[in-house]
Amino acid sequence: MKLDLKAFALAGGLFWGLGVFLLTWWLLLTRNTHGRRSRFGDLIGRVYPGYRVSPEGSVIGLLWGFVDGLAAAGIFGLLYNLFAKEK
């Protein structure tokens, strides 16, 4: 069975982008409770330029995550289709 590369890449981009977006808001909500910075936010900021744990950073993370997830899922789907054998 072959994967539809466009659909798989789009799904991967949406999944990763929304994941980074939601993680940022979770970090924003829990930071106020604990009063300290998160190592997750610092790590994401090292990978995605312009990202920080803030409302604006959540949008930047959404965009970077979408591009990153789109590329990763597209490459994975391409490799899967190359190695998948038809029955």
N, C-alpha and C. Protein backbone atom coordinates (compact mmCIF):
# COMPACT_ATOMS: atom_id res chain seq x y z
N MET A 1 0.83 -1.17 0.00
CA MET A 1 0.00 0.00 0.00
C MET A 1 0.89 1.25 0.00
N LYS A 2 0.60 2.16 -0.87
CA LYS A 2 1.35 3.41 -0.95
C LYS A 2 0.63 4.50 -0.16
N LEU A 3 1.43 5.42 0.38
CA LEU A 3 0.87 6.56 1.09
C LEU A 3 0.64 7.71 0.13
N ASP A 4 -0.41 8.47 0.38
CA ASP A 4 -0.62 9.71 -0.35
C ASP A 4 0.30 10.75 0.30
N LEU A 5 1.38 11.12 -0.39
CA LEU A 5 2.41 11.98 0.19
C LEU A 5 1.88 13.34 0.62
N LYS A 6 1.03 13.94 -0.19
CA LYS A 6 0.51 15.27 0.16
C LYS A 6 -0.33 15.20 1.44
N ALA A 7 -1.21 14.24 1.53
CA ALA A 7 -2.07 14.12 2.70
C ALA A 7 -1.26 13.76 3.94
N PHE A 8 -0.29 12.85 3.80
CA PHE A 8 0.53 12.44 4.94
C PHE A 8 1.40 13.58 5.44
N ALA A 9 1.99 14.33 4.51
CA ALA A 9 2.84 15.46 4.89
C ALA A 9 1.99 16.56 5.55
N LEU A 10 0.83 16.84 5.02
CA LEU A 10 -0.05 17.84 5.59
C LEU A 10 -0.49 17.44 7.00
N ALA A 11 -0.84 16.18 7.17
CA ALA A 11 -1.24 15.70 8.49
C ALA A 11 -0.07 15.81 9.48
N GLY A 12 1.13 15.46 9.04
CA GLY A 12 2.30 15.58 9.91
C GLY A 12 2.58 17.02 10.28
N GLY A 13 2.44 17.93 9.34
CA GLY A 13 2.65 19.35 9.61
C GLY A 13 1.63 19.90 10.58
N LEU A 14 0.38 19.56 10.38
CA LEU A 14 -0.66 20.02 11.29
C LEU A 14 -0.48 19.45 12.69
N PHE A 15 -0.16 18.18 12.76
CA PHE A 15 0.04 17.52 14.05
C PHE A 15 1.19 18.17 14.82
N TRP A 16 2.33 18.37 14.18
CA TRP A 16 3.50 18.92 14.86
C TRP A 16 3.31 20.40 15.18
N GLY A 17 2.78 21.15 14.24
CA GLY A 17 2.55 22.58 14.47
C GLY A 17 1.58 22.83 15.62
N LEU A 18 0.46 22.13 15.61
CA LEU A 18 -0.51 22.28 16.69
C LEU A 18 0.05 21.77 18.01
N GLY A 19 0.89 20.74 17.94
CA GLY A 19 1.53 20.23 19.16
C GLY A 19 2.42 21.27 19.81
N VAL A 20 3.23 21.96 19.02
CA VAL A 20 4.10 23.01 19.55
C VAL A 20 3.25 24.16 20.08
N PHE A 21 2.20 24.52 19.36
CA PHE A 21 1.30 25.59 19.78
C PHE A 21 0.66 25.27 21.13
N LEU A 22 0.11 24.08 21.26
CA LEU A 22 -0.55 23.69 22.51
C LEU A 22 0.44 23.52 23.65
N LEU A 23 1.62 23.01 23.37
CA LEU A 23 2.65 22.89 24.40
C LEU A 23 3.04 24.26 24.92
N THR A 24 3.16 25.24 24.04
CA THR A 24 3.50 26.59 24.46
C THR A 24 2.44 27.15 25.40
N TRP A 25 1.19 26.97 25.06
CA TRP A 25 0.13 27.49 25.94
C TRP A 25 0.08 26.73 27.25
N TRP A 26 0.36 25.44 27.23
CA TRP A 26 0.43 24.67 28.48
C TRP A 26 1.56 25.20 29.36
N LEU A 27 2.71 25.49 28.74
CA LEU A 27 3.83 26.05 29.48
C LEU A 27 3.48 27.43 30.03
N LEU A 28 2.77 28.23 29.26
CA LEU A 28 2.35 29.55 29.75
C LEU A 28 1.43 29.43 30.96
N LEU A 29 0.50 28.52 30.90
CA LEU A 29 -0.45 28.35 32.00
C LEU A 29 0.20 27.77 33.25
N THR A 30 1.13 26.85 33.10
CA THR A 30 1.76 26.23 34.26
C THR A 30 2.92 27.06 34.80
N ARG A 31 3.49 27.95 33.98
CA ARG A 31 4.58 28.80 34.47
C ARG A 31 4.09 29.70 35.59
N ASN A 32 2.89 30.22 35.45
CA ASN A 32 2.34 31.10 36.48
C ASN A 32 2.13 30.35 37.79
N THR A 33 1.83 29.07 37.71
CA THR A 33 1.60 28.28 38.90
C THR A 33 2.91 28.02 39.64
N HIS A 34 3.96 27.69 38.92
CA HIS A 34 5.22 27.31 39.54
C HIS A 34 6.20 28.47 39.66
N GLY A 35 6.02 29.51 38.87
CA GLY A 35 6.89 30.67 38.95
C GLY A 35 8.29 30.47 38.42
N ARG A 36 8.49 29.50 37.54
CA ARG A 36 9.81 29.28 36.97
C ARG A 36 9.70 28.95 35.49
N ARG A 37 10.83 29.09 34.78
CA ARG A 37 10.86 28.82 33.34
C ARG A 37 10.95 27.32 33.10
N SER A 38 10.55 26.93 31.92
CA SER A 38 10.57 25.52 31.55
C SER A 38 11.77 25.22 30.66
N ARG A 39 12.36 24.08 30.86
CA ARG A 39 13.46 23.65 29.99
C ARG A 39 12.95 23.30 28.60
N PHE A 40 11.69 22.85 28.50
CA PHE A 40 11.12 22.53 27.19
C PHE A 40 11.07 23.77 26.31
N GLY A 41 10.65 24.88 26.89
CA GLY A 41 10.57 26.12 26.12
C GLY A 41 11.93 26.58 25.65
N ASP A 42 12.95 26.44 26.52
CA ASP A 42 14.31 26.80 26.12
C ASP A 42 14.81 25.91 25.00
N LEU A 43 14.50 24.63 25.07
CA LEU A 43 14.93 23.69 24.03
C LEU A 43 14.27 23.99 22.68
N ILE A 44 12.98 24.25 22.71
CA ILE A 44 12.28 24.58 21.47
C ILE A 44 12.84 25.87 20.88
N GLY A 45 13.17 26.83 21.72
CA GLY A 45 13.74 28.09 21.26
C GLY A 45 15.09 27.93 20.60
N ARG A 46 15.83 26.91 20.99
CA ARG A 46 17.12 26.63 20.34
C ARG A 46 16.94 26.05 18.95
N VAL A 47 15.85 25.33 18.75
CA VAL A 47 15.60 24.67 17.46
C VAL A 47 14.88 25.60 16.49
N TYR A 48 13.92 26.36 16.99
CA TYR A 48 13.11 27.23 16.14
C TYR A 48 13.47 28.69 16.39
N PRO A 49 14.14 29.35 15.45
CA PRO A 49 14.52 30.76 15.63
C PRO A 49 13.29 31.65 15.85
N GLY A 50 13.39 32.56 16.80
CA GLY A 50 12.31 33.49 17.08
C GLY A 50 11.30 32.98 18.08
N TYR A 51 11.39 31.71 18.44
CA TYR A 51 10.42 31.14 19.37
C TYR A 51 10.79 31.47 20.81
N ARG A 52 9.79 31.77 21.60
CA ARG A 52 9.92 31.86 23.05
C ARG A 52 8.56 31.52 23.64
N VAL A 53 8.54 31.21 24.91
CA VAL A 53 7.28 30.86 25.55
C VAL A 53 6.50 32.14 25.81
N SER A 54 5.65 32.47 24.86
CA SER A 54 4.80 33.66 24.91
C SER A 54 3.66 33.46 23.92
N PRO A 55 2.63 34.28 24.00
CA PRO A 55 1.56 34.16 23.01
C PRO A 55 2.07 34.33 21.58
N GLU A 56 2.98 35.29 21.36
CA GLU A 56 3.55 35.47 20.02
C GLU A 56 4.42 34.27 19.64
N GLY A 57 5.13 33.74 20.61
CA GLY A 57 5.98 32.58 20.36
C GLY A 57 5.17 31.34 20.00
N SER A 58 3.94 31.25 20.50
CA SER A 58 3.11 30.10 20.15
C SER A 58 2.78 30.10 18.67
N VAL A 59 2.56 31.28 18.09
CA VAL A 59 2.27 31.39 16.66
C VAL A 59 3.54 31.08 15.85
N ILE A 60 4.67 31.60 16.31
CA ILE A 60 5.94 31.29 15.63
C ILE A 60 6.21 29.80 15.70
N GLY A 61 5.98 29.19 16.86
CA GLY A 61 6.15 27.74 17.01
C GLY A 61 5.20 26.95 16.14
N LEU A 62 3.97 27.45 15.99
CA LEU A 62 3.00 26.80 15.11
C LEU A 62 3.51 26.78 13.68
N LEU A 63 4.03 27.91 13.22
CA LEU A 63 4.53 27.99 11.84
C LEU A 63 5.77 27.12 11.64
N TRP A 64 6.76 27.24 12.56
CA TRP A 64 7.95 26.41 12.45
C TRP A 64 7.61 24.93 12.57
N GLY A 65 6.73 24.60 13.51
CA GLY A 65 6.32 23.21 13.69
C GLY A 65 5.62 22.65 12.46
N PHE A 66 4.78 23.48 11.83
CA PHE A 66 4.11 23.03 10.61
C PHE A 66 5.12 22.71 9.52
N VAL A 67 6.07 23.62 9.31
CA VAL A 67 7.09 23.41 8.27
C VAL A 67 7.94 22.18 8.61
N ASP A 68 8.34 22.07 9.86
CA ASP A 68 9.17 20.95 10.29
C ASP A 68 8.43 19.62 10.16
N GLY A 69 7.19 19.58 10.62
CA GLY A 69 6.39 18.36 10.53
C GLY A 69 6.06 18.00 9.09
N LEU A 70 5.80 19.01 8.27
CA LEU A 70 5.52 18.77 6.85
C LEU A 70 6.72 18.11 6.18
N ALA A 71 7.91 18.66 6.43
CA ALA A 71 9.12 18.11 5.81
C ALA A 71 9.41 16.71 6.33
N ALA A 72 9.32 16.52 7.64
CA ALA A 72 9.63 15.21 8.22
C ALA A 72 8.66 14.14 7.74
N ALA A 73 7.36 14.45 7.76
CA ALA A 73 6.37 13.48 7.31
C ALA A 73 6.50 13.23 5.80
N GLY A 74 6.82 14.28 5.03
CA GLY A 74 7.02 14.10 3.59
C GLY A 74 8.19 13.18 3.28
N ILE A 75 9.29 13.37 3.99
CA ILE A 75 10.46 12.50 3.79
C ILE A 75 10.15 11.08 4.24
N PHE A 76 9.48 10.94 5.39
CA PHE A 76 9.11 9.61 5.87
C PHE A 76 8.20 8.90 4.87
N GLY A 77 7.19 9.63 4.38
CA GLY A 77 6.27 9.04 3.41
C GLY A 77 6.95 8.67 2.11
N LEU A 78 7.87 9.49 1.65
CA LEU A 78 8.62 9.19 0.44
C LEU A 78 9.45 7.93 0.62
N LEU A 79 10.14 7.83 1.74
CA LEU A 79 10.93 6.62 2.01
C LEU A 79 10.04 5.39 2.15
N TYR A 80 8.91 5.55 2.82
CA TYR A 80 7.98 4.44 2.95
C TYR A 80 7.53 3.94 1.58
N ASN A 81 7.16 4.88 0.71
CA ASN A 81 6.69 4.49 -0.63
C ASN A 81 7.80 3.85 -1.44
N LEU A 82 9.05 4.25 -1.22
CA LEU A 82 10.16 3.63 -1.94
C LEU A 82 10.39 2.18 -1.51
N PHE A 83 10.23 1.94 -0.22
CA PHE A 83 10.53 0.61 0.31
C PHE A 83 9.33 -0.31 0.45
N ALA A 84 8.13 0.23 0.35
CA ALA A 84 6.92 -0.59 0.48
C ALA A 84 6.79 -1.48 -0.75
N LYS A 85 6.43 -2.68 -0.50
CA LYS A 85 6.24 -3.63 -1.60
C LYS A 85 4.74 -3.82 -1.83
N GLU A 86 4.37 -3.84 -3.09
CA GLU A 86 2.99 -4.10 -3.46
C GLU A 86 2.71 -5.58 -3.30
N LYS A 87 1.52 -5.89 -2.81
CA LYS A 87 1.14 -7.31 -2.64
C LYS A 87 0.42 -7.81 -3.84
